[in-house]
Protein backbone atom coordinates (compact mmCIF):
# COMPACT_ATOMS: atom_id res chain seq x y z
CA MET A 1 105.33 114.46 103.95
CA THR A 2 105.40 115.94 100.68
CA ARG A 3 101.94 117.43 99.34
CA SER A 4 101.56 114.85 96.87
CA THR A 5 101.59 112.04 99.43
CA LYS A 6 99.06 114.26 101.75
CA ALA A 7 96.90 114.92 98.58
CA VAL A 8 96.89 111.14 97.80
CA LEU A 9 96.36 109.82 101.19
CA LEU A 10 93.43 112.21 101.56
CA SER A 11 91.67 110.84 98.44
CA ALA A 12 92.74 107.12 99.06
CA PHE A 13 91.01 107.49 102.66
CA VAL A 14 88.56 110.64 103.02
CA PHE A 15 86.72 110.59 99.86
CA PRO A 16 87.37 111.35 96.26
CA GLY A 17 88.13 114.81 95.80
CA VAL A 18 89.32 115.46 99.13
CA GLY A 19 92.60 115.46 97.70
CA HIS A 20 92.59 118.00 95.03
CA PHE A 21 90.95 120.16 97.60
CA PHE A 22 93.67 120.34 99.74
CA LEU A 23 95.89 120.96 96.13
CA LYS A 24 93.27 123.87 95.58
CA LYS A 25 92.04 122.41 92.50
CA TYR A 26 88.71 123.07 93.12
CA ILE A 27 87.21 122.57 90.00
CA SER A 28 88.39 118.66 89.78
CA ALA A 29 87.78 118.35 93.45
CA VAL A 30 83.85 119.45 92.82
CA VAL A 31 83.57 117.24 89.52
CA LEU A 32 85.48 114.21 91.24
CA ALA A 33 83.53 114.57 94.37
CA GLY A 34 79.61 115.36 92.97
CA ALA A 35 80.58 112.07 91.00
CA ALA A 36 81.22 109.60 93.45
CA PHE A 37 78.56 111.28 95.96
CA GLY A 38 76.03 110.39 93.23
CA GLY A 39 76.84 107.12 92.71
CA LEU A 40 77.47 106.49 96.35
CA TYR A 41 73.88 108.61 97.01
CA TYR A 42 72.13 106.03 94.59
CA LEU A 43 73.57 103.07 96.21
CA LEU A 44 72.49 103.91 99.71
CA THR A 45 69.02 104.83 98.52
CA THR A 46 68.37 101.62 96.75
CA MET A 47 69.80 99.94 99.82
CA VAL A 48 67.51 101.51 102.18
CA GLU A 49 64.62 101.18 100.09
CA ARG A 50 65.06 97.31 99.49
CA ALA A 51 65.44 97.49 103.52
CA LEU A 52 62.18 99.23 103.84
CA GLN A 53 60.34 96.78 101.75
CA ILE A 54 61.72 94.03 103.67
CA THR A 55 60.57 95.76 106.84
CA ALA A 56 57.38 96.18 105.69
CA LYS A 57 56.69 92.65 104.66
CA ILE A 58 57.78 91.21 107.98
CA GLN A 59 55.46 93.60 109.62
CA THR A 60 52.16 93.17 107.33
CA GLY A 61 53.31 89.11 108.06
CA GLU A 62 54.03 88.32 104.35
CA ILE A 63 57.35 86.74 105.69
CA PRO A 64 57.97 85.32 109.01
CA LEU A 65 59.80 86.49 111.65
CA ASP A 66 62.65 83.80 110.88
CA VAL A 67 66.36 84.24 109.81
CA VAL A 68 66.14 81.88 106.98
CA GLY A 69 63.51 83.96 105.04
CA ILE A 70 64.84 87.89 105.94
CA THR A 71 68.19 86.08 105.00
CA GLU A 72 67.00 85.18 101.72
CA LEU A 73 65.42 88.26 101.17
CA VAL A 74 68.03 90.59 102.16
CA SER A 75 70.67 88.03 99.55
CA LYS A 76 68.45 88.65 96.45
CA GLN A 77 69.86 89.75 93.96
CA ALA A 78 68.91 92.72 92.01
CA THR A 79 67.83 91.75 87.96
CA GLY A 80 67.54 93.70 85.04
CA THR A 81 67.50 97.70 84.94
CA GLU A 82 68.07 97.63 88.80
CA ALA A 83 71.12 95.75 88.45
CA GLN A 84 72.58 97.64 85.74
CA LEU A 85 71.82 100.88 87.60
CA GLN A 86 73.35 99.29 90.76
CA ASN A 87 76.75 98.39 88.29
CA MET A 88 77.17 101.74 86.50
CA ALA A 89 76.70 104.07 90.08
CA THR A 90 79.25 101.07 91.71
CA ALA A 91 81.62 101.27 88.85
CA VAL A 92 80.86 105.43 88.77
CA PHE A 93 82.49 105.26 92.36
CA ILE A 94 85.14 103.16 92.17
CA ILE A 95 86.35 105.36 88.92
CA CYS A 96 86.08 108.36 90.95
CA TRP A 97 88.02 107.12 93.52
CA LEU A 98 90.92 105.78 91.56
CA ILE A 99 91.14 109.02 89.19
CA GLY A 100 90.95 111.15 92.46
CA ILE A 101 94.03 108.88 94.09
CA VAL A 102 96.10 109.01 90.19
CA ASP A 103 95.08 112.34 89.53
CA SER A 104 96.02 114.16 93.36
CA CYS A 105 99.35 112.46 92.80
CA ARG A 106 99.93 113.72 89.51
CA ALA A 107 98.60 117.33 90.59
CA GLY A 108 100.68 117.12 94.01
CA ARG A 109 103.93 116.20 91.93
CA ALA A 110 103.38 119.43 89.47
CA GLN A 111 103.24 121.52 92.85
CA ASP A 112 105.84 119.84 94.50
CA LYS A 113 108.24 120.38 91.66
CA ASP A 114 107.02 123.89 91.57
CA ILE A 115 108.07 124.47 95.39
CA GLU A 116 111.51 123.34 94.87
CA ALA A 117 112.35 125.07 91.71
CA PRO A 118 113.78 128.28 92.46
């Protein structure tokens, strides 16, 4: 298996930037992984915050312990600035992932050519 193939698989199935770490492209790896981690961190903290708010409402009795009521709260979509931030964080994460895959393929092919050349 070539280095480019391994790098692409690592970037695609592990996390953005891992393929670059494999190729020893550390600056690119840190930038991609950092940006992707930032977007993922925002999304996860938002979800946990929403879950804690729903749990607090259940504990105080604002909403009954009913599947229908809880499902409505969980499926309620964010609006305004919060929705824009969630969309931006999602876009950053997906774009970093795609860039990681494409760029690790490009960098891996360049390294493969360097190895093959006498």
